[in-house]
Amino acid sequence: MYVSHRMRVQWNGVWSDAFNMLGLNGVKQGGIVSPIMFCIYIDDLFCSLVKSEVGCFICNFFVGAVAYADDIVLVVRSATTDLWSTVPL
């Protein structure tokens, strides 16, 4: 995980002074370990969905989310389901 990022901006060949990126923590985009770290982080969400059974059963398989890379679609039974109050996150 990356914490306490320090950044610099280059504009027309001139560099700014370094400054802190407050409140922005996470994994570096394009980093070698970023996909693994993302999977470890997001696994808790998927485990919570399975335990809560918020989602759909398709051919006896539970589907609470569909994910590809860092794109995630949460699946619910109807458009009126209040997902945020239902899933214990």
PDB file of N, CA and C in Angstrom:
ATOM      1  N   MET A   1       0.838  -1.183   0.000  1.00  0.00           N
ATOM      2  CA  MET A   1       0.000   0.000   0.000  1.00  0.00           C
ATOM      3  C   MET A   1       0.880   1.243   0.000  1.00  0.00           C
ATOM      4  N   TYR A   2       0.388   2.232  -0.644  1.00  0.00           N
ATOM      5  CA  TYR A   2       1.094   3.506  -0.677  1.00  0.00           C
ATOM      6  C   TYR A   2       0.388   4.477   0.261  1.00  0.00           C
ATOM      7  N   VAL A   3       1.129   5.114   1.129  1.00  0.00           N
ATOM      8  CA  VAL A   3       0.577   6.127   2.034  1.00  0.00           C
ATOM      9  C   VAL A   3       1.475   7.352   1.989  1.00  0.00           C
ATOM     10  N   SER A   4       0.896   8.486   2.314  1.00  0.00           N
ATOM     11  CA  SER A   4       1.635   9.753   2.362  1.00  0.00           C
ATOM     12  C   SER A   4       2.391  10.037   1.067  1.00  0.00           C
ATOM     13  N   HIS A   5       1.637  10.072  -0.027  1.00  0.00           N
ATOM     14  CA  HIS A   5       2.242  10.368  -1.331  1.00  0.00           C
ATOM     15  C   HIS A   5       2.796  11.787  -1.361  1.00  0.00           C
ATOM     16  N   ARG A   6       3.922  11.950  -2.009  1.00  0.00           N
ATOM     17  CA  ARG A   6       4.458  13.282  -2.297  1.00  0.00           C
ATOM     18  C   ARG A   6       4.483  13.405  -3.812  1.00  0.00           C
ATOM     19  N   MET A   7       3.986  14.517  -4.306  1.00  0.00           N
ATOM     20  CA  MET A   7       3.839  14.704  -5.747  1.00  0.00           C
ATOM     21  C   MET A   7       4.549  15.973  -6.199  1.00  0.00           C
ATOM     22  N   ARG A   8       4.871  15.998  -7.484  1.00  0.00           N
ATOM     23  CA  ARG A   8       5.373  17.196  -8.150  1.00  0.00           C
ATOM     24  C   ARG A   8       4.681  17.282  -9.497  1.00  0.00           C
ATOM     25  N   VAL A   9       4.463  18.492  -9.974  1.00  0.00           N
ATOM     26  CA  VAL A   9       3.809  18.710 -11.252  1.00  0.00           C
ATOM     27  C   VAL A   9       4.804  19.360 -12.201  1.00  0.00           C
ATOM     28  N   GLN A  10       4.823  18.865 -13.435  1.00  0.00           N
ATOM     29  CA  GLN A  10       5.665  19.481 -14.461  1.00  0.00           C
ATOM     30  C   GLN A  10       4.759  20.135 -15.496  1.00  0.00           C
ATOM     31  N   TRP A  11       5.026  21.399 -15.772  1.00  0.00           N
ATOM     32  CA  TRP A  11       4.251  22.144 -16.762  1.00  0.00           C
ATOM     33  C   TRP A  11       5.211  22.972 -17.595  1.00  0.00           C
ATOM     34  N   ASN A  12       5.213  22.732 -18.892  1.00  0.00           N
ATOM     35  CA  ASN A  12       6.109  23.429 -19.811  1.00  0.00           C
ATOM     36  C   ASN A  12       7.568  23.324 -19.377  1.00  0.00           C
ATOM     37  N   GLY A  13       7.953  22.149 -18.901  1.00  0.00           N
ATOM     38  CA  GLY A  13       9.341  21.907 -18.529  1.00  0.00           C
ATOM     39  C   GLY A  13       9.742  22.434 -17.164  1.00  0.00           C
ATOM     40  N   VAL A  14       8.820  23.042 -16.420  1.00  0.00           N
ATOM     41  CA  VAL A  14       9.119  23.585 -15.094  1.00  0.00           C
ATOM     42  C   VAL A  14       8.449  22.711 -14.040  1.00  0.00           C
ATOM     43  N   TRP A  15       9.230  22.306 -13.033  1.00  0.00           N
ATOM     44  CA  TRP A  15       8.719  21.448 -11.959  1.00  0.00           C
ATOM     45  C   TRP A  15       8.268  22.281 -10.767  1.00  0.00           C
ATOM     46  N   SER A  16       7.134  21.893 -10.166  1.00  0.00           N
ATOM     47  CA  SER A  16       6.661  22.544  -8.944  1.00  0.00           C
ATOM     48  C   SER A  16       7.436  22.007  -7.749  1.00  0.00           C
ATOM     49  N   ASP A  17       7.256  22.647  -6.601  1.00  0.00           N
ATOM     50  CA  ASP A  17       7.772  22.098  -5.353  1.00  0.00           C
ATOM     51  C   ASP A  17       6.974  20.840  -5.020  1.00  0.00           C
ATOM     52  N   ALA A  18       7.559  19.937  -4.261  1.00  0.00           N
ATOM     53  CA  ALA A  18       6.867  18.722  -3.834  1.00  0.00           C
ATOM     54  C   ALA A  18       5.773  19.088  -2.831  1.00  0.00           C
ATOM     55  N   PHE A  19       4.645  18.381  -2.933  1.00  0.00           N
ATOM     56  CA  PHE A  19       3.540  18.603  -1.992  1.00  0.00           C
ATOM     57  C   PHE A  19       2.925  17.261  -1.627  1.00  0.00           C
ATOM     58  N   ASN A  20       2.275  17.223  -0.445  1.00  0.00           N
ATOM     59  CA  ASN A  20       1.644  16.000   0.049  1.00  0.00           C
ATOM     60  C   ASN A  20       0.270  15.819  -0.570  1.00  0.00           C
ATOM     61  N   MET A  21      -0.080  14.580  -0.883  1.00  0.00           N
ATOM     62  CA  MET A  21      -1.415  14.230  -1.362  1.00  0.00           C
ATOM     63  C   MET A  21      -2.189  13.693  -0.170  1.00  0.00           C
ATOM     64  N   LEU A  22      -2.851  14.563   0.547  1.00  0.00           N
ATOM     65  CA  LEU A  22      -3.561  14.172   1.760  1.00  0.00           C
ATOM     66  C   LEU A  22      -4.820  13.386   1.417  1.00  0.00           C
ATOM     67  N   GLY A  23      -5.050  12.329   2.173  1.00  0.00           N
ATOM     68  CA  GLY A  23      -6.271  11.556   2.024  1.00  0.00           C
ATOM     69  C   GLY A  23      -6.282  10.593   0.859  1.00  0.00           C
ATOM     70  N   LEU A  24      -5.205  10.522   0.112  1.00  0.00           N
ATOM     71  CA  LEU A  24      -5.167   9.606  -1.023  1.00  0.00           C
ATOM     72  C   LEU A  24      -4.207   8.466  -0.726  1.00  0.00           C
ATOM     73  N   ASN A  25      -4.744   7.344  -0.349  1.00  0.00           N
ATOM     74  CA  ASN A  25      -3.956   6.154  -0.094  1.00  0.00           C
ATOM     75  C   ASN A  25      -4.458   5.057  -1.012  1.00  0.00           C
ATOM     76  N   GLY A  26      -3.665   4.068  -1.215  1.00  0.00           N
ATOM     77  CA  GLY A  26      -4.110   2.964  -2.052  1.00  0.00           C
ATOM     78  C   GLY A  26      -2.956   2.338  -2.781  1.00  0.00           C
ATOM     79  N   VAL A  27      -3.275   1.772  -3.930  1.00  0.00           N
ATOM     80  CA  VAL A  27      -2.250   1.113  -4.723  1.00  0.00           C
ATOM     81  C   VAL A  27      -1.926   1.967  -5.938  1.00  0.00           C
ATOM     82  N   LYS A  28      -0.693   1.872  -6.377  1.00  0.00           N
ATOM     83  CA  LYS A  28      -0.228   2.678  -7.495  1.00  0.00           C
ATOM     84  C   LYS A  28      -0.747   2.078  -8.808  1.00  0.00           C
ATOM     85  N   GLN A  29      -1.352   2.917  -9.631  1.00  0.00           N
ATOM     86  CA  GLN A  29      -1.850   2.441 -10.909  1.00  0.00           C
ATOM     87  C   GLN A  29      -0.678   2.022 -11.781  1.00  0.00           C
ATOM     88  N   GLY A  30      -0.753   0.804 -12.305  1.00  0.00           N
ATOM     89  CA  GLY A  30       0.316   0.282 -13.137  1.00  0.00           C
ATOM     90  C   GLY A  30       1.425  -0.384 -12.344  1.00  0.00           C
ATOM     91  N   GLY A  31       1.321  -0.378 -11.018  1.00  0.00           N
ATOM     92  CA  GLY A  31       2.337  -1.025 -10.191  1.00  0.00           C
ATOM     93  C   GLY A  31       2.281  -2.542 -10.322  1.00  0.00           C
ATOM     94  N   ILE A  32       3.409  -3.187 -10.144  1.00  0.00           N
ATOM     95  CA  ILE A  32       3.493  -4.637 -10.311  1.00  0.00           C
ATOM     96  C   ILE A  32       2.611  -5.372  -9.307  1.00  0.00           C
ATOM     97  N   VAL A  33       2.567  -4.916  -8.068  1.00  0.00           N
ATOM     98  CA  VAL A  33       1.773  -5.605  -7.046  1.00  0.00           C
ATOM     99  C   VAL A  33       0.361  -5.042  -6.915  1.00  0.00           C
ATOM    100  N   SER A  34       0.006  -4.025  -7.691  1.00  0.00           N
ATOM    101  CA  SER A  34      -1.307  -3.395  -7.562  1.00  0.00           C
ATOM    102  C   SER A  34      -2.471  -4.360  -7.746  1.00  0.00           C
ATOM    103  N   PRO A  35      -2.478  -5.230  -8.765  1.00  0.00           N
ATOM    104  CA  PRO A  35      -3.614  -6.156  -8.906  1.00  0.00           C
ATOM    105  C   PRO A  35      -3.770  -7.090  -7.714  1.00  0.00           C
ATOM    106  N   ILE A  36      -2.668  -7.554  -7.161  1.00  0.00           N
ATOM    107  CA  ILE A  36      -2.733  -8.454  -6.011  1.00  0.00           C
ATOM    108  C   ILE A  36      -3.263  -7.703  -4.793  1.00  0.00           C
ATOM    109  N   MET A  37      -2.770  -6.496  -4.558  1.00  0.00           N
ATOM    110  CA  MET A  37      -3.226  -5.707  -3.420  1.00  0.00           C
ATOM    111  C   MET A  37      -4.712  -5.369  -3.553  1.00  0.00           C
ATOM    112  N   PHE A  38      -5.166  -5.061  -4.757  1.00  0.00           N
ATOM    113  CA  PHE A  38      -6.580  -4.774  -4.985  1.00  0.00           C
ATOM    114  C   PHE A  38      -7.428  -5.998  -4.661  1.00  0.00           C
ATOM    115  N   CYS A  39      -6.992  -7.165  -5.095  1.00  0.00           N
ATOM    116  CA  CYS A  39      -7.736  -8.403  -4.824  1.00  0.00           C
ATOM    117  C   CYS A  39      -7.833  -8.672  -3.330  1.00  0.00           C
ATOM    118  N   ILE A  40      -6.757  -8.460  -2.613  1.00  0.00           N
ATOM    119  CA  ILE A  40      -6.779  -8.657  -1.162  1.00  0.00           C
ATOM    120  C   ILE A  40      -7.747  -7.675  -0.517  1.00  0.00           C
ATOM    121  N   TYR A  41      -7.733  -6.435  -0.957  1.00  0.00           N
ATOM    122  CA  TYR A  41      -8.598  -5.397  -0.395  1.00  0.00           C
ATOM    123  C   TYR A  41     -10.070  -5.679  -0.678  1.00  0.00           C
ATOM    124  N   ILE A  42     -10.397  -6.040  -1.907  1.00  0.00           N
ATOM    125  CA  ILE A  42     -11.795  -6.168  -2.322  1.00  0.00           C
ATOM    126  C   ILE A  42     -12.403  -7.504  -1.888  1.00  0.00           C
ATOM    127  N   ASP A  43     -11.577  -8.459  -1.478  1.00  0.00           N
ATOM    128  CA  ASP A  43     -12.074  -9.775  -1.067  1.00  0.00           C
ATOM    129  C   ASP A  43     -13.070  -9.673   0.087  1.00  0.00           C
ATOM    130  N   ASP A  44     -12.872  -8.736   1.015  1.00  0.00           N
ATOM    131  CA  ASP A  44     -13.813  -8.563   2.132  1.00  0.00           C
ATOM    132  C   ASP A  44     -15.213  -8.206   1.635  1.00  0.00           C
ATOM    133  N   LEU A  45     -15.301  -7.381   0.596  1.00  0.00           N
ATOM    134  CA  LEU A  45     -16.602  -7.031   0.040  1.00  0.00           C
ATOM    135  C   LEU A  45     -17.293  -8.275  -0.498  1.00  0.00           C
ATOM    136  N   PHE A  46     -16.579  -9.082  -1.257  1.00  0.00           N
ATOM    137  CA  PHE A  46     -17.179 -10.277  -1.837  1.00  0.00           C
ATOM    138  C   PHE A  46     -17.593 -11.276  -0.755  1.00  0.00           C
ATOM    139  N   CYS A  47     -16.800 -11.422   0.277  1.00  0.00           N
ATOM    140  CA  CYS A  47     -17.157 -12.315   1.396  1.00  0.00           C
ATOM    141  C   CYS A  47     -18.409 -11.818   2.109  1.00  0.00           C
ATOM    142  N   SER A  48     -18.533 -10.500   2.294  1.00  0.00           N
ATOM    143  CA  SER A  48     -19.731  -9.931   2.919  1.00  0.00           C
ATOM    144  C   SER A  48     -20.968 -10.168   2.072  1.00  0.00           C
ATOM    145  N   LEU A  49     -20.819 -10.059   0.755  1.00  0.00           N
ATOM    146  CA  LEU A  49     -21.955 -10.305  -0.133  1.00  0.00           C
ATOM    147  C   LEU A  49     -22.425 -11.754  -0.044  1.00  0.00           C
ATOM    148  N   VAL A  50     -21.503 -12.686  -0.019  1.00  0.00           N
ATOM    149  CA  VAL A  50     -21.864 -14.103   0.063  1.00  0.00           C
ATOM    150  C   VAL A  50     -22.583 -14.389   1.375  1.00  0.00           C
ATOM    151  N   LYS A  51     -22.066 -13.885   2.496  1.00  0.00           N
ATOM    152  CA  LYS A  51     -22.680 -14.115   3.805  1.00  0.00           C
ATOM    153  C   LYS A  51     -24.078 -13.504   3.899  1.00  0.00           C
ATOM    154  N   SER A  52     -24.268 -12.331   3.305  1.00  0.00           N
ATOM    155  CA  SER A  52     -25.552 -11.638   3.404  1.00  0.00           C
ATOM    156  C   SER A  52     -26.575 -12.167   2.408  1.00  0.00           C
ATOM    157  N   GLU A  53     -26.131 -12.892   1.406  1.00  0.00           N
ATOM    158  CA  GLU A  53     -26.981 -13.401   0.325  1.00  0.00           C
ATOM    159  C   GLU A  53     -27.753 -12.289  -0.386  1.00  0.00           C
ATOM    160  N   VAL A  54     -27.173 -11.087  -0.400  1.00  0.00           N
ATOM    161  CA  VAL A  54     -27.735 -10.006  -1.207  1.00  0.00           C
ATOM    162  C   VAL A  54     -27.206 -10.210  -2.614  1.00  0.00           C
ATOM    163  N   GLY A  55     -28.093 -10.434  -3.536  1.00  0.00           N
ATOM    164  CA  GLY A  55     -27.716 -10.729  -4.900  1.00  0.00           C
ATOM    165  C   GLY A  55     -28.756 -11.635  -5.520  1.00  0.00           C
ATOM    166  N   CYS A  56     -28.347 -12.443  -6.465  1.00  0.00           N
ATOM    167  CA  CYS A  56     -29.254 -13.330  -7.171  1.00  0.00           C
ATOM    168  C   CYS A  56     -28.674 -14.737  -7.209  1.00  0.00           C
ATOM    169  N   PHE A  57     -29.555 -15.705  -7.323  1.00  0.00           N
ATOM    170  CA  PHE A  57     -29.130 -17.072  -7.570  1.00  0.00           C
ATOM    171  C   PHE A  57     -29.437 -17.392  -9.022  1.00  0.00           C
ATOM    172  N   ILE A  58     -28.412 -17.753  -9.766  1.00  0.00           N
ATOM    173  CA  ILE A  58     -28.556 -18.099 -11.175  1.00  0.00           C
ATOM    174  C   ILE A  58     -28.112 -19.549 -11.327  1.00  0.00           C
ATOM    175  N   CYS A  59     -29.062 -20.414 -11.675  1.00  0.00           N
ATOM    176  CA  CYS A  59     -28.778 -21.856 -11.804  1.00  0.00           C
ATOM    177  C   CYS A  59     -28.103 -22.394 -10.536  1.00  0.00           C
ATOM    178  N   ASN A  60     -28.654 -22.071  -9.389  1.00  0.00           N
ATOM    179  CA  ASN A  60     -28.159 -22.509  -8.077  1.00  0.00           C
ATOM    180  C   ASN A  60     -26.790 -21.947  -7.699  1.00  0.00           C
ATOM    181  N   PHE A  61     -26.293 -20.957  -8.415  1.00  0.00           N
ATOM    182  CA  PHE A  61     -25.047 -20.287  -8.074  1.00  0.00           C
ATOM    183  C   PHE A  61     -25.367 -18.874  -7.593  1.00  0.00           C
ATOM    184  N   PHE A  62     -24.800 -18.505  -6.444  1.00  0.00           N
ATOM    185  CA  PHE A  62     -25.012 -17.163  -5.924  1.00  0.00           C
ATOM    186  C   PHE A  62     -24.157 -16.166  -6.694  1.00  0.00           C
ATOM    187  N   VAL A  63     -24.768 -15.071  -7.119  1.00  0.00           N
ATOM    188  CA  VAL A  63     -24.057 -13.990  -7.800  1.00  0.00           C
ATOM    189  C   VAL A  63     -24.379 -12.701  -7.064  1.00  0.00           C
ATOM    190  N   GLY A  64     -23.410 -12.165  -6.335  1.00  0.00           N
ATOM    191  CA  GLY A  64     -23.590 -10.901  -5.624  1.00  0.00           C
ATOM    192  C   GLY A  64     -22.876  -9.756  -6.304  1.00  0.00           C
ATOM    193  N   ALA A  65     -21.924 -10.117  -7.157  1.00  0.00           N
ATOM    194  CA  ALA A  65     -21.173  -9.092  -7.885  1.00  0.00           C
ATOM    195  C   ALA A  65     -20.515  -9.736  -9.092  1.00  0.00           C
ATOM    196  N   VAL A  66     -20.320  -8.931 -10.102  1.00  0.00           N
ATOM    197  CA  VAL A  66     -19.571  -9.339 -11.286  1.00  0.00           C
ATOM    198  C   VAL A  66     -18.387  -8.392 -11.367  1.00  0.00           C
ATOM    199  N   ALA A  67     -17.190  -8.952 -11.490  1.00  0.00           N
ATOM    200  CA  ALA A  67     -15.998  -8.104 -11.479  1.00  0.00           C
ATOM    201  C   ALA A  67     -15.045  -8.498 -12.591  1.00  0.00           C
ATOM    202  N   TYR A  68     -14.415  -7.501 -13.165  1.00  0.00           N
ATOM    203  CA  TYR A  68     -13.348  -7.700 -14.137  1.00  0.00           C
ATOM    204  C   TYR A  68     -12.340  -6.584 -13.899  1.00  0.00           C
ATOM    205  N   ALA A  69     -11.121  -6.977 -13.568  1.00  0.00           N
ATOM    206  CA  ALA A  69     -10.068  -6.010 -13.214  1.00  0.00           C
ATOM    207  C   ALA A  69     -10.571  -5.139 -12.067  1.00  0.00           C
ATOM    208  N   ASP A  70     -10.636  -3.824 -12.234  1.00  0.00           N
ATOM    209  CA  ASP A  70     -11.108  -2.965 -11.149  1.00  0.00           C
ATOM    210  C   ASP A  70     -12.525  -2.452 -11.381  1.00  0.00           C
ATOM    211  N   ASP A  71     -13.255  -3.079 -12.313  1.00  0.00           N
ATOM    212  CA  ASP A  71     -14.655  -2.737 -12.555  1.00  0.00           C
ATOM    213  C   ASP A  71     -15.530  -3.745 -11.820  1.00  0.00           C
ATOM    214  N   ILE A  72     -16.463  -3.252 -11.008  1.00  0.00           N
ATOM    215  CA  ILE A  72     -17.322  -4.112 -10.202  1.00  0.00           C
ATOM    216  C   ILE A  72     -18.768  -3.681 -10.373  1.00  0.00           C
ATOM    217  N   VAL A  73     -19.641  -4.669 -10.611  1.00  0.00           N
ATOM    218  CA  VAL A  73     -21.078  -4.436 -10.663  1.00  0.00           C
ATOM    219  C   VAL A  73     -21.701  -5.231  -9.527  1.00  0.00           C
ATOM    220  N   LEU A  74     -22.390  -4.538  -8.608  1.00  0.00           N
ATOM    221  CA  LEU A  74     -23.094  -5.214  -7.532  1.00  0.00           C
ATOM    222  C   LEU A  74     -24.466  -5.624  -8.047  1.00  0.00           C
ATOM    223  N   VAL A  75     -24.871  -6.853  -7.746  1.00  0.00           N
ATOM    224  CA  VAL A  75     -26.117  -7.413  -8.259  1.00  0.00           C
ATOM    225  C   VAL A  75     -27.121  -7.523  -7.114  1.00  0.00           C
ATOM    226  N   VAL A  76     -28.355  -7.052  -7.353  1.00  0.00           N
ATOM    227  CA  VAL A  76     -29.423  -7.170  -6.372  1.00  0.00           C
ATOM    228  C   VAL A  76     -30.663  -7.749  -7.053  1.00  0.00           C
ATOM    229  N   ARG A  77     -31.617  -8.204  -6.234  1.00  0.00           N
ATOM    230  CA  ARG A  77     -32.820  -8.858  -6.777  1.00  0.00           C
ATOM    231  C   ARG A  77     -33.745  -7.902  -7.513  1.00  0.00           C
ATOM    232  N   SER A  78     -33.811  -6.647  -7.061  1.00  0.00           N
ATOM    233  CA  SER A  78     -34.704  -5.682  -7.705  1.00  0.00           C
ATOM    234  C   SER A  78     -34.113  -4.285  -7.607  1.00  0.00           C
ATOM    235  N   ALA A  79     -34.660  -3.389  -8.398  1.00  0.00           N
ATOM    236  CA  ALA A  79     -34.164  -2.009  -8.415  1.00  0.00           C
ATOM    237  C   ALA A  79     -34.489  -1.277  -7.130  1.00  0.00           C
ATOM    238  N   THR A  80     -35.426  -1.785  -6.339  1.00  0.00           N
ATOM    239  CA  THR A  80     -35.812  -1.111  -5.107  1.00  0.00           C
ATOM    240  C   THR A  80     -35.031  -1.610  -3.892  1.00  0.00           C
ATOM    241  N   THR A  81     -34.140  -2.587  -4.061  1.00  0.00           N
ATOM    242  CA  THR A  81     -33.341  -3.100  -2.953  1.00  0.00           C
ATOM    243  C   THR A  81     -32.375  -2.025  -2.478  1.00  0.00           C
ATOM    244  N   ASP A  82     -32.371  -1.762  -1.176  1.00  0.00           N
ATOM    245  CA  ASP A  82     -31.441  -0.799  -0.600  1.00  0.00           C
ATOM    246  C   ASP A  82     -30.152  -1.539  -0.244  1.00  0.00           C
ATOM    247  N   LEU A  83     -29.243  -1.602  -1.181  1.00  0.00           N
ATOM    248  CA  LEU A  83     -28.024  -2.393  -1.034  1.00  0.00           C
ATOM    249  C   LEU A  83     -27.176  -1.925   0.130  1.00  0.00           C
ATOM    250  N   TRP A  84     -27.056  -0.613   0.325  1.00  0.00           N
ATOM    251  CA  TRP A  84     -26.128  -0.085   1.332  1.00  0.00           C
ATOM    252  C   TRP A  84     -26.573  -0.389   2.753  1.00  0.00           C
ATOM    253  N   SER A  85     -27.872  -0.496   2.993  1.00  0.00           N
ATOM    254  CA  SER A  85     -28.324  -0.830   4.335  1.00  0.00           C
ATOM    255  C   SER A  85     -28.429  -2.344   4.538  1.00  0.00           C
ATOM    256  N   THR A  86     -28.333  -3.121   3.475  1.00  0.00           N
ATOM    257  CA  THR A  86     -28.497  -4.564   3.536  1.00  0.00           C
ATOM    258  C   THR A  86     -27.172  -5.286   3.734  1.00  0.00           C
ATOM    259  N   VAL A  87     -26.125  -4.836   3.061  1.00  0.00           N
ATOM    260  CA  VAL A  87     -24.827  -5.506   3.117  1.00  0.00           C
ATOM    261  C   VAL A  87     -24.025  -4.964   4.288  1.00  0.00           C
ATOM    262  N   PRO A  88     -23.608  -5.833   5.202  1.00  0.00           N
ATOM    263  CA  PRO A  88     -22.806  -5.368   6.357  1.00  0.00           C
ATOM    264  C   PRO A  88     -21.355  -5.113   5.960  1.00  0.00           C
ATOM    265  N   LEU A  89     -21.045  -3.858   5.638  1.00  0.00           N
ATOM    266  CA  LEU A  89     -19.680  -3.544   5.194  1.00  0.00           C
ATOM    267  C   LEU A  89     -18.862  -2.964   6.312  1.00  0.00           C
TER     268      LEU A  89
END
